[in-house]
């Protein structure tokens, strides 16, 4: 894959889950990014990611809009726009939207890899690039 420096959200597929969506805009497959992956996460009101780990990747979460709770190890704090969370590889963590609006954040993994694990989950529906994701529930 050739290096791409400018990526639009319409250029990449969407991972659709019952809790929201993910658009991976920097990965080895999308733009040749070998040292990190980055994507925009939209968590719907009242939804969240269960406590989980990424054994081989550090993660950074930067909150863009909305409000929620972030758990890292045994600590939980309220989070909102302009806040960043660092999660070392192998540390349990989870995010929950506690507001009425979509909680949007940027997720970065170093090295890349967890985005492929998410895509392989049975509850993940891949919506092709350029299509608007919709739920049929």
N, C-alpha and C. Protein backbone atom coordinates (compact mmCIF):
# COMPACT_ATOMS: atom_id res chain seq x y z
N UNK A 1 0.87 -1.19 0.00
CA UNK A 1 0.00 0.00 0.00
C UNK A 1 0.90 1.23 0.00
N UNK A 2 0.69 2.15 -0.93
CA UNK A 2 1.51 3.38 -0.94
C UNK A 2 1.17 4.26 0.25
N UNK A 3 2.15 5.08 0.63
CA UNK A 3 1.92 6.02 1.73
C UNK A 3 0.89 7.06 1.33
N UNK A 4 -0.08 7.28 2.18
CA UNK A 4 -1.10 8.30 1.98
C UNK A 4 -1.04 9.24 3.16
N UNK A 5 -0.90 10.51 2.89
CA UNK A 5 -0.79 11.49 3.97
C UNK A 5 -2.11 12.13 4.34
N UNK A 6 -3.05 12.18 3.42
CA UNK A 6 -4.34 12.83 3.67
C UNK A 6 -5.45 11.79 3.53
N UNK A 7 -6.14 11.51 4.64
CA UNK A 7 -7.19 10.50 4.65
C UNK A 7 -8.48 11.16 5.12
N UNK A 8 -9.54 10.95 4.39
CA UNK A 8 -10.87 11.46 4.76
C UNK A 8 -11.67 10.31 5.34
N UNK A 9 -12.63 10.61 6.21
CA UNK A 9 -13.45 9.55 6.80
C UNK A 9 -14.22 8.77 5.74
N UNK A 10 -14.53 9.39 4.63
CA UNK A 10 -15.23 8.70 3.55
C UNK A 10 -14.34 7.75 2.77
N UNK A 11 -13.02 7.82 3.01
CA UNK A 11 -12.07 6.96 2.30
C UNK A 11 -11.92 5.58 2.92
N UNK A 12 -12.41 5.41 4.16
CA UNK A 12 -12.17 4.16 4.88
C UNK A 12 -13.49 3.51 5.28
N UNK A 13 -13.44 2.20 5.47
CA UNK A 13 -14.63 1.48 5.92
C UNK A 13 -14.93 1.84 7.37
N UNK A 14 -16.12 1.44 7.83
CA UNK A 14 -16.55 1.67 9.21
C UNK A 14 -16.76 0.33 9.88
N UNK A 15 -16.23 0.20 11.11
CA UNK A 15 -16.56 -0.95 11.94
C UNK A 15 -17.79 -0.57 12.75
N UNK A 16 -18.88 -1.30 12.55
CA UNK A 16 -20.15 -1.01 13.22
C UNK A 16 -20.40 -2.05 14.30
N UNK A 17 -20.65 -1.58 15.52
CA UNK A 17 -20.94 -2.42 16.69
C UNK A 17 -22.25 -1.96 17.30
N UNK A 18 -22.78 -2.71 18.27
CA UNK A 18 -24.01 -2.27 18.94
C UNK A 18 -23.76 -1.05 19.81
N UNK A 19 -22.52 -0.74 20.15
CA UNK A 19 -22.19 0.41 20.99
C UNK A 19 -21.80 1.65 20.19
N UNK A 20 -21.57 1.51 18.88
CA UNK A 20 -21.16 2.67 18.08
C UNK A 20 -20.32 2.26 16.89
N UNK A 21 -19.44 3.18 16.46
CA UNK A 21 -18.66 2.95 15.25
C UNK A 21 -17.18 3.30 15.47
N UNK A 22 -16.37 2.73 14.58
CA UNK A 22 -14.93 3.01 14.53
C UNK A 22 -14.53 3.21 13.07
N UNK A 23 -13.73 4.23 12.82
CA UNK A 23 -13.17 4.45 11.49
C UNK A 23 -11.66 4.54 11.65
N UNK A 24 -10.95 3.52 11.17
CA UNK A 24 -9.49 3.47 11.28
C UNK A 24 -8.89 4.22 10.10
N UNK A 25 -8.25 5.35 10.38
CA UNK A 25 -7.77 6.24 9.32
C UNK A 25 -6.26 6.23 9.16
N UNK A 26 -5.57 5.53 10.06
CA UNK A 26 -4.12 5.33 9.91
C UNK A 26 -3.82 3.91 10.36
N UNK A 27 -3.54 3.05 9.40
CA UNK A 27 -3.16 1.66 9.67
C UNK A 27 -2.20 1.23 8.56
N UNK A 28 -1.53 0.11 8.76
CA UNK A 28 -0.68 -0.37 7.67
C UNK A 28 -1.45 -0.55 6.36
N UNK A 29 -2.71 -1.03 6.43
CA UNK A 29 -3.50 -1.25 5.21
C UNK A 29 -4.01 0.04 4.58
N UNK A 30 -4.34 1.03 5.40
CA UNK A 30 -4.94 2.27 4.88
C UNK A 30 -3.89 3.19 4.28
N UNK A 31 -2.80 3.43 5.02
CA UNK A 31 -1.83 4.42 4.53
C UNK A 31 -0.38 4.01 4.77
N UNK A 32 -0.14 2.77 5.07
CA UNK A 32 1.22 2.30 5.25
C UNK A 32 1.82 2.63 6.61
N UNK A 33 1.00 3.07 7.55
CA UNK A 33 1.49 3.40 8.89
C UNK A 33 1.91 2.12 9.61
N UNK A 34 3.21 1.94 9.83
CA UNK A 34 3.72 0.70 10.41
C UNK A 34 3.92 0.78 11.92
N UNK A 35 4.03 1.98 12.50
CA UNK A 35 4.35 2.11 13.91
C UNK A 35 3.16 2.41 14.80
N UNK A 36 2.04 2.82 14.18
CA UNK A 36 0.85 3.11 14.96
C UNK A 36 -0.38 2.96 14.08
N UNK A 37 -1.52 2.86 14.76
CA UNK A 37 -2.81 2.95 14.07
C UNK A 37 -3.63 3.99 14.82
N UNK A 38 -4.52 4.65 14.10
CA UNK A 38 -5.35 5.69 14.71
C UNK A 38 -6.73 5.68 14.06
N UNK A 39 -7.75 5.86 14.91
CA UNK A 39 -9.10 5.88 14.40
C UNK A 39 -10.03 6.69 15.26
N UNK A 40 -11.15 7.08 14.67
CA UNK A 40 -12.17 7.86 15.36
C UNK A 40 -13.24 6.90 15.87
N UNK A 41 -13.54 7.01 17.17
CA UNK A 41 -14.52 6.16 17.84
C UNK A 41 -15.73 7.01 18.20
N UNK A 42 -16.92 6.52 17.89
CA UNK A 42 -18.17 7.15 18.31
C UNK A 42 -18.91 6.17 19.21
N UNK A 43 -19.02 6.51 20.50
CA UNK A 43 -19.77 5.70 21.45
C UNK A 43 -21.15 6.33 21.64
N UNK A 44 -22.18 5.55 21.44
CA UNK A 44 -23.55 6.06 21.56
C UNK A 44 -23.92 6.26 23.03
N UNK A 45 -24.90 7.13 23.32
CA UNK A 45 -25.32 7.38 24.71
C UNK A 45 -25.65 6.10 25.46
N UNK A 46 -25.09 6.00 26.67
CA UNK A 46 -25.33 4.84 27.52
C UNK A 46 -24.55 3.60 27.15
N UNK A 47 -23.77 3.66 26.10
CA UNK A 47 -23.02 2.49 25.62
C UNK A 47 -21.55 2.62 26.01
N UNK A 48 -20.83 1.53 25.86
CA UNK A 48 -19.41 1.56 26.18
C UNK A 48 -18.67 0.32 25.75
N UNK A 49 -17.37 0.35 26.00
CA UNK A 49 -16.50 -0.80 25.76
C UNK A 49 -16.33 -1.51 27.09
N UNK A 50 -16.56 -2.80 27.12
CA UNK A 50 -16.30 -3.58 28.32
C UNK A 50 -14.82 -3.51 28.67
N UNK A 51 -14.52 -3.81 29.92
CA UNK A 51 -13.12 -3.86 30.35
C UNK A 51 -12.38 -4.89 29.49
N UNK A 52 -11.23 -4.47 28.95
CA UNK A 52 -10.45 -5.34 28.07
C UNK A 52 -8.98 -4.90 28.12
N UNK A 53 -8.13 -5.63 27.44
CA UNK A 53 -6.71 -5.28 27.35
C UNK A 53 -6.24 -5.41 25.91
N UNK A 54 -5.14 -4.77 25.64
CA UNK A 54 -4.40 -4.95 24.38
C UNK A 54 -3.00 -5.39 24.82
N UNK A 55 -2.72 -6.69 24.80
CA UNK A 55 -1.50 -7.22 25.39
C UNK A 55 -0.20 -6.67 24.79
N UNK A 56 -0.23 -6.30 23.50
CA UNK A 56 1.02 -5.92 22.83
C UNK A 56 1.08 -4.47 22.37
N UNK A 57 0.06 -3.67 22.68
CA UNK A 57 0.02 -2.29 22.19
C UNK A 57 -0.32 -1.31 23.30
N UNK A 58 0.42 -0.20 23.37
CA UNK A 58 0.01 0.94 24.18
C UNK A 58 -1.16 1.60 23.47
N UNK A 59 -1.98 2.33 24.24
CA UNK A 59 -3.12 3.03 23.65
C UNK A 59 -3.19 4.43 24.22
N UNK A 60 -3.54 5.37 23.36
CA UNK A 60 -3.85 6.74 23.77
C UNK A 60 -5.27 7.03 23.32
N UNK A 61 -6.08 7.61 24.22
CA UNK A 61 -7.43 8.05 23.89
C UNK A 61 -7.48 9.56 24.07
N UNK A 62 -7.91 10.28 23.04
CA UNK A 62 -8.09 11.73 23.12
C UNK A 62 -9.56 12.02 22.89
N UNK A 63 -10.20 12.64 23.88
CA UNK A 63 -11.64 12.88 23.84
C UNK A 63 -11.96 14.17 23.09
N UNK A 64 -12.80 14.06 22.07
CA UNK A 64 -13.14 15.17 21.18
C UNK A 64 -14.44 15.85 21.61
N UNK A 65 -15.48 15.05 21.88
CA UNK A 65 -16.77 15.62 22.29
C UNK A 65 -17.55 14.60 23.10
N UNK A 66 -18.53 15.12 23.86
CA UNK A 66 -19.34 14.26 24.70
C UNK A 66 -18.75 14.13 26.09
N UNK A 67 -19.35 13.23 26.88
CA UNK A 67 -18.86 13.00 28.24
C UNK A 67 -18.98 11.54 28.58
N UNK A 68 -18.08 11.09 29.44
CA UNK A 68 -18.11 9.68 29.79
C UNK A 68 -17.28 9.37 31.00
N UNK A 69 -17.09 8.08 31.20
CA UNK A 69 -16.22 7.57 32.26
C UNK A 69 -15.16 6.69 31.63
N UNK A 70 -13.93 6.85 32.09
CA UNK A 70 -12.83 6.03 31.61
C UNK A 70 -12.25 5.27 32.80
N UNK A 71 -12.13 3.97 32.63
CA UNK A 71 -11.48 3.13 33.63
C UNK A 71 -10.13 2.69 33.10
N UNK A 72 -9.10 2.84 33.91
CA UNK A 72 -7.76 2.33 33.61
C UNK A 72 -7.29 1.62 34.88
N UNK A 73 -7.02 0.32 34.74
CA UNK A 73 -6.67 -0.52 35.89
C UNK A 73 -7.82 -0.44 36.90
N UNK A 74 -7.56 0.01 38.12
CA UNK A 74 -8.63 0.06 39.12
C UNK A 74 -9.10 1.49 39.40
N UNK A 75 -8.84 2.40 38.45
CA UNK A 75 -9.22 3.81 38.63
C UNK A 75 -10.22 4.22 37.55
N UNK A 76 -11.31 4.88 37.96
CA UNK A 76 -12.32 5.37 37.02
C UNK A 76 -12.49 6.87 37.24
N UNK A 77 -12.47 7.62 36.11
CA UNK A 77 -12.64 9.08 36.18
C UNK A 77 -13.60 9.53 35.10
N UNK A 78 -14.24 10.68 35.35
CA UNK A 78 -15.06 11.33 34.32
C UNK A 78 -14.13 11.93 33.28
N UNK A 79 -14.53 11.85 32.01
CA UNK A 79 -13.73 12.39 30.92
C UNK A 79 -14.59 13.23 29.99
N UNK A 80 -13.94 14.15 29.28
CA UNK A 80 -14.64 15.00 28.33
C UNK A 80 -13.67 15.60 27.34
N UNK A 81 -14.16 16.51 26.51
CA UNK A 81 -13.35 17.09 25.44
C UNK A 81 -12.04 17.68 25.96
N UNK A 82 -10.98 17.43 25.21
CA UNK A 82 -9.67 17.99 25.52
C UNK A 82 -8.85 17.16 26.47
N UNK A 83 -9.38 16.02 26.91
CA UNK A 83 -8.63 15.16 27.83
C UNK A 83 -8.01 13.99 27.07
N UNK A 84 -6.83 13.57 27.56
CA UNK A 84 -6.13 12.44 26.96
C UNK A 84 -5.82 11.41 28.04
N UNK A 85 -5.94 10.14 27.67
CA UNK A 85 -5.68 9.03 28.57
C UNK A 85 -4.60 8.16 27.93
N UNK A 86 -3.60 7.78 28.72
CA UNK A 86 -2.57 6.85 28.26
C UNK A 86 -2.79 5.50 28.93
N UNK A 87 -2.82 4.43 28.14
CA UNK A 87 -3.05 3.08 28.66
C UNK A 87 -1.89 2.20 28.19
N UNK A 88 -1.02 1.79 29.11
CA UNK A 88 0.09 0.91 28.72
C UNK A 88 -0.41 -0.46 28.25
N UNK A 89 0.37 -1.12 27.43
CA UNK A 89 0.03 -2.46 26.94
C UNK A 89 -0.27 -3.38 28.12
N UNK A 90 -1.33 -4.17 27.97
CA UNK A 90 -1.68 -5.17 28.97
C UNK A 90 -2.49 -4.66 30.15
N UNK A 91 -2.77 -3.36 30.23
CA UNK A 91 -3.52 -2.80 31.35
C UNK A 91 -5.02 -2.82 31.01
N UNK A 92 -5.84 -3.33 31.94
CA UNK A 92 -7.28 -3.37 31.73
C UNK A 92 -7.85 -1.96 31.66
N UNK A 93 -8.82 -1.77 30.75
CA UNK A 93 -9.44 -0.46 30.59
C UNK A 93 -10.79 -0.59 29.90
N UNK A 94 -11.62 0.44 30.03
CA UNK A 94 -12.92 0.49 29.38
C UNK A 94 -13.44 1.91 29.38
N UNK A 95 -14.31 2.21 28.43
CA UNK A 95 -14.87 3.55 28.27
C UNK A 95 -16.38 3.44 28.20
N UNK A 96 -17.09 4.36 28.88
CA UNK A 96 -18.55 4.38 28.85
C UNK A 96 -19.04 5.80 28.58
N UNK A 97 -20.01 5.93 27.69
CA UNK A 97 -20.64 7.21 27.42
C UNK A 97 -21.71 7.42 28.49
N UNK A 98 -21.55 8.47 29.30
CA UNK A 98 -22.51 8.75 30.37
C UNK A 98 -23.43 9.92 30.02
N UNK A 99 -23.31 10.46 28.81
CA UNK A 99 -24.10 11.62 28.42
C UNK A 99 -25.21 11.28 27.44
N UNK A 100 -25.88 12.34 26.98
CA UNK A 100 -26.99 12.21 26.04
C UNK A 100 -26.56 12.29 24.59
N UNK A 101 -25.31 12.70 24.37
CA UNK A 101 -24.80 12.86 23.01
C UNK A 101 -23.73 11.82 22.75
N UNK A 102 -23.39 11.64 21.49
CA UNK A 102 -22.32 10.72 21.12
C UNK A 102 -21.01 11.16 21.77
N UNK A 103 -20.29 10.21 22.34
CA UNK A 103 -18.96 10.45 22.87
C UNK A 103 -17.98 10.12 21.76
N UNK A 104 -17.25 11.13 21.30
CA UNK A 104 -16.32 10.92 20.19
C UNK A 104 -14.89 11.06 20.69
N UNK A 105 -14.05 10.13 20.28
CA UNK A 105 -12.66 10.17 20.69
C UNK A 105 -11.76 9.62 19.60
N UNK A 106 -10.50 9.98 19.69
CA UNK A 106 -9.47 9.46 18.81
C UNK A 106 -8.73 8.39 19.59
N UNK A 107 -8.61 7.19 19.02
CA UNK A 107 -7.87 6.09 19.63
C UNK A 107 -6.61 5.84 18.81
N UNK A 108 -5.48 5.71 19.51
CA UNK A 108 -4.20 5.45 18.85
C UNK A 108 -3.57 4.23 19.50
N UNK A 109 -3.15 3.26 18.68
CA UNK A 109 -2.43 2.08 19.16
C UNK A 109 -1.00 2.13 18.64
N UNK A 110 -0.05 1.75 19.50
CA UNK A 110 1.35 1.64 19.09
C UNK A 110 1.94 0.39 19.74
N UNK A 111 2.35 -0.58 18.95
CA UNK A 111 2.22 -0.68 17.50
C UNK A 111 0.79 -1.03 17.11
N UNK A 112 0.48 -0.95 15.80
CA UNK A 112 -0.85 -1.30 15.33
C UNK A 112 -1.13 -2.78 15.55
N UNK A 113 -2.39 -3.14 15.48
CA UNK A 113 -2.80 -4.53 15.62
C UNK A 113 -4.16 -4.72 16.23
N UNK A 114 -4.48 -4.02 17.35
CA UNK A 114 -5.79 -4.24 17.95
C UNK A 114 -6.96 -3.92 17.02
N UNK A 115 -6.78 -3.04 16.06
CA UNK A 115 -7.87 -2.72 15.13
C UNK A 115 -8.26 -3.94 14.30
N UNK A 116 -7.29 -4.82 14.01
CA UNK A 116 -7.60 -6.04 13.27
C UNK A 116 -8.36 -7.03 14.14
N UNK A 117 -8.02 -7.08 15.43
CA UNK A 117 -8.73 -7.95 16.37
C UNK A 117 -10.20 -7.54 16.44
N UNK A 118 -10.46 -6.22 16.51
CA UNK A 118 -11.83 -5.72 16.55
C UNK A 118 -12.61 -6.12 15.29
N UNK A 119 -11.97 -5.99 14.14
CA UNK A 119 -12.63 -6.30 12.87
C UNK A 119 -13.02 -7.78 12.79
N UNK A 120 -12.28 -8.64 13.49
CA UNK A 120 -12.54 -10.08 13.44
C UNK A 120 -13.60 -10.54 14.42
N UNK A 121 -14.07 -9.65 15.31
CA UNK A 121 -15.10 -10.04 16.28
C UNK A 121 -16.41 -10.34 15.56
N UNK A 122 -17.15 -11.37 16.00
CA UNK A 122 -18.39 -11.73 15.32
C UNK A 122 -19.44 -10.62 15.34
N UNK A 123 -19.41 -9.75 16.35
CA UNK A 123 -20.41 -8.67 16.43
C UNK A 123 -20.04 -7.44 15.60
N UNK A 124 -18.91 -7.49 14.90
CA UNK A 124 -18.47 -6.36 14.07
C UNK A 124 -19.00 -6.51 12.65
N UNK A 125 -19.70 -5.48 12.19
CA UNK A 125 -20.14 -5.40 10.80
C UNK A 125 -19.26 -4.37 10.10
N UNK A 126 -18.71 -4.73 8.96
CA UNK A 126 -17.88 -3.80 8.20
C UNK A 126 -18.74 -3.12 7.14
N UNK A 127 -18.83 -1.80 7.23
CA UNK A 127 -19.57 -1.01 6.26
C UNK A 127 -18.56 -0.42 5.28
N UNK A 128 -18.72 -0.65 3.99
CA UNK A 128 -17.73 -0.20 3.01
C UNK A 128 -17.53 1.32 3.02
N UNK A 129 -16.34 1.73 2.62
CA UNK A 129 -16.00 3.16 2.52
C UNK A 129 -17.04 3.87 1.69
N UNK A 130 -17.42 5.06 2.14
CA UNK A 130 -18.38 5.90 1.43
C UNK A 130 -19.83 5.63 1.78
N UNK A 131 -20.12 4.52 2.46
CA UNK A 131 -21.50 4.21 2.87
C UNK A 131 -21.74 4.68 4.29
N UNK A 132 -22.96 5.12 4.57
CA UNK A 132 -23.35 5.57 5.90
C UNK A 132 -23.76 4.35 6.72
N UNK A 133 -23.10 4.14 7.89
CA UNK A 133 -23.49 2.99 8.72
C UNK A 133 -24.86 3.18 9.35
N UNK A 134 -25.70 2.14 9.30
CA UNK A 134 -27.01 2.17 9.95
C UNK A 134 -27.22 0.83 10.63
N UNK A 135 -27.93 0.86 11.74
CA UNK A 135 -28.26 -0.36 12.48
C UNK A 135 -29.62 -0.88 12.04
N UNK A 136 -29.75 -2.19 12.03
CA UNK A 136 -31.02 -2.81 11.66
C UNK A 136 -31.69 -3.44 12.88
N UNK A 137 -31.57 -2.80 14.07
CA UNK A 137 -32.16 -3.43 15.26
C UNK A 137 -33.36 -2.73 15.76
